[in-house]
């Protein structure tokens, strides 16, 4: 799925906040890991899009 640059930036920022919160709240490793993977995928999509 392709997003505009602004949409991707917003999704990346939101995913980062979710990851930070899951770390701060000491959630289960699997939850933190999945949040990290989601953020990594969005960052990868941003880079691949050439922004």
N, C-alpha and C. Protein backbone atom coordinates (compact mmCIF):
# COMPACT_ATOMS: atom_id res chain seq x y z
N UNK A 1 0.85 -1.16 0.00
CA UNK A 1 0.00 0.00 0.00
C UNK A 1 0.90 1.23 0.00
N UNK A 2 0.60 2.16 -0.86
CA UNK A 2 1.41 3.37 -0.93
C UNK A 2 0.67 4.53 -0.27
N UNK A 3 1.44 5.28 0.51
CA UNK A 3 0.92 6.46 1.18
C UNK A 3 1.66 7.68 0.67
N UNK A 4 1.06 8.83 0.83
CA UNK A 4 1.77 10.07 0.50
C UNK A 4 2.84 10.28 1.58
N UNK A 5 3.74 11.19 1.30
CA UNK A 5 4.82 11.48 2.26
C UNK A 5 4.24 11.90 3.60
N UNK A 6 3.28 12.80 3.60
CA UNK A 6 2.68 13.28 4.84
C UNK A 6 1.99 12.16 5.62
N UNK A 7 1.29 11.29 4.89
CA UNK A 7 0.62 10.17 5.54
C UNK A 7 1.64 9.23 6.20
N UNK A 8 2.72 8.96 5.48
CA UNK A 8 3.75 8.09 6.04
C UNK A 8 4.40 8.70 7.27
N UNK A 9 4.68 9.99 7.22
CA UNK A 9 5.29 10.66 8.37
C UNK A 9 4.36 10.56 9.58
N UNK A 10 3.08 10.78 9.37
CA UNK A 10 2.12 10.69 10.47
C UNK A 10 2.05 9.27 11.02
N UNK A 11 2.06 8.27 10.12
CA UNK A 11 2.01 6.88 10.55
C UNK A 11 3.28 6.50 11.30
N UNK A 12 4.42 6.99 10.85
CA UNK A 12 5.70 6.72 11.52
C UNK A 12 5.69 7.34 12.91
N UNK A 13 5.25 8.58 13.01
CA UNK A 13 5.21 9.25 14.32
C UNK A 13 4.26 8.53 15.27
N UNK A 14 3.11 8.10 14.77
CA UNK A 14 2.15 7.39 15.61
C UNK A 14 2.72 6.04 16.06
N UNK A 15 3.36 5.33 15.14
CA UNK A 15 3.95 4.03 15.48
C UNK A 15 5.08 4.20 16.50
N UNK A 16 5.84 5.27 16.39
CA UNK A 16 6.92 5.53 17.34
C UNK A 16 6.35 5.78 18.73
N UNK A 17 5.25 6.53 18.80
CA UNK A 17 4.61 6.79 20.09
C UNK A 17 4.09 5.50 20.72
N UNK A 18 3.51 4.63 19.90
CA UNK A 18 3.02 3.35 20.41
C UNK A 18 4.19 2.51 20.92
N UNK A 19 5.28 2.47 20.17
CA UNK A 19 6.45 1.71 20.60
C UNK A 19 7.01 2.28 21.90
N UNK A 20 7.17 3.58 21.96
CA UNK A 20 7.70 4.21 23.18
C UNK A 20 6.81 3.90 24.38
N UNK A 21 5.51 3.97 24.18
CA UNK A 21 4.58 3.69 25.28
C UNK A 21 4.69 2.24 25.73
N UNK A 22 4.79 1.33 24.78
CA UNK A 22 4.90 -0.09 25.14
C UNK A 22 6.19 -0.37 25.90
N UNK A 23 7.25 0.34 25.57
CA UNK A 23 8.52 0.19 26.29
C UNK A 23 8.39 0.80 27.68
N UNK A 24 7.86 2.01 27.76
CA UNK A 24 7.72 2.70 29.04
C UNK A 24 6.83 1.92 30.02
N UNK A 25 5.81 1.27 29.47
CA UNK A 25 4.89 0.52 30.32
C UNK A 25 5.37 -0.92 30.57
N UNK A 26 6.54 -1.22 30.07
CA UNK A 26 7.14 -2.55 30.24
C UNK A 26 6.19 -3.67 29.83
N UNK A 27 5.62 -3.50 28.65
CA UNK A 27 4.73 -4.53 28.11
C UNK A 27 5.54 -5.77 27.75
N UNK A 28 4.83 -6.84 27.47
CA UNK A 28 5.49 -8.09 27.10
C UNK A 28 6.45 -7.88 25.94
N UNK A 29 7.50 -8.67 25.93
CA UNK A 29 8.51 -8.58 24.87
C UNK A 29 7.86 -8.69 23.50
N UNK A 30 6.96 -9.63 23.32
CA UNK A 30 6.33 -9.85 22.01
C UNK A 30 5.59 -8.60 21.54
N UNK A 31 4.90 -7.93 22.44
CA UNK A 31 4.17 -6.70 22.11
C UNK A 31 5.15 -5.60 21.67
N UNK A 32 6.21 -5.42 22.43
CA UNK A 32 7.23 -4.42 22.09
C UNK A 32 7.86 -4.76 20.74
N UNK A 33 8.17 -6.03 20.56
CA UNK A 33 8.78 -6.48 19.31
C UNK A 33 7.87 -6.19 18.12
N UNK A 34 6.59 -6.52 18.23
CA UNK A 34 5.66 -6.29 17.12
C UNK A 34 5.52 -4.80 16.81
N UNK A 35 5.50 -3.98 17.85
CA UNK A 35 5.45 -2.53 17.64
C UNK A 35 6.71 -2.04 16.92
N UNK A 36 7.85 -2.60 17.28
CA UNK A 36 9.11 -2.23 16.65
C UNK A 36 9.12 -2.64 15.18
N UNK A 37 8.63 -3.83 14.90
CA UNK A 37 8.58 -4.32 13.52
C UNK A 37 7.66 -3.43 12.67
N UNK A 38 6.54 -3.04 13.24
CA UNK A 38 5.61 -2.17 12.50
C UNK A 38 6.28 -0.84 12.15
N UNK A 39 6.97 -0.26 13.13
CA UNK A 39 7.67 0.99 12.89
C UNK A 39 8.76 0.81 11.83
N UNK A 40 9.51 -0.27 11.93
CA UNK A 40 10.57 -0.55 10.94
C UNK A 40 10.01 -0.66 9.53
N UNK A 41 8.86 -1.30 9.39
CA UNK A 41 8.24 -1.45 8.06
C UNK A 41 7.83 -0.10 7.48
N UNK A 42 7.28 0.75 8.33
CA UNK A 42 6.89 2.08 7.86
C UNK A 42 8.12 2.91 7.46
N UNK A 43 9.17 2.82 8.23
CA UNK A 43 10.41 3.54 7.90
C UNK A 43 10.99 3.00 6.61
N UNK A 44 10.96 1.70 6.45
CA UNK A 44 11.45 1.08 5.20
C UNK A 44 10.62 1.55 4.01
N UNK A 45 9.31 1.63 4.17
CA UNK A 45 8.45 2.10 3.08
C UNK A 45 8.79 3.56 2.75
N UNK A 46 9.04 4.37 3.77
CA UNK A 46 9.40 5.77 3.57
C UNK A 46 10.69 5.87 2.77
N UNK A 47 11.69 5.09 3.14
CA UNK A 47 12.98 5.11 2.45
C UNK A 47 12.83 4.61 1.01
N UNK A 48 12.10 3.50 0.86
CA UNK A 48 11.91 2.92 -0.48
C UNK A 48 11.16 3.86 -1.42
N UNK A 49 10.32 4.73 -0.84
CA UNK A 49 9.55 5.67 -1.66
C UNK A 49 10.41 6.84 -2.14
N UNK A 50 11.59 6.96 -1.58
CA UNK A 50 12.52 8.01 -2.03
C UNK A 50 12.26 9.38 -1.44
N UNK A 51 11.58 9.43 -0.31
CA UNK A 51 11.28 10.72 0.30
C UNK A 51 12.47 11.24 1.02
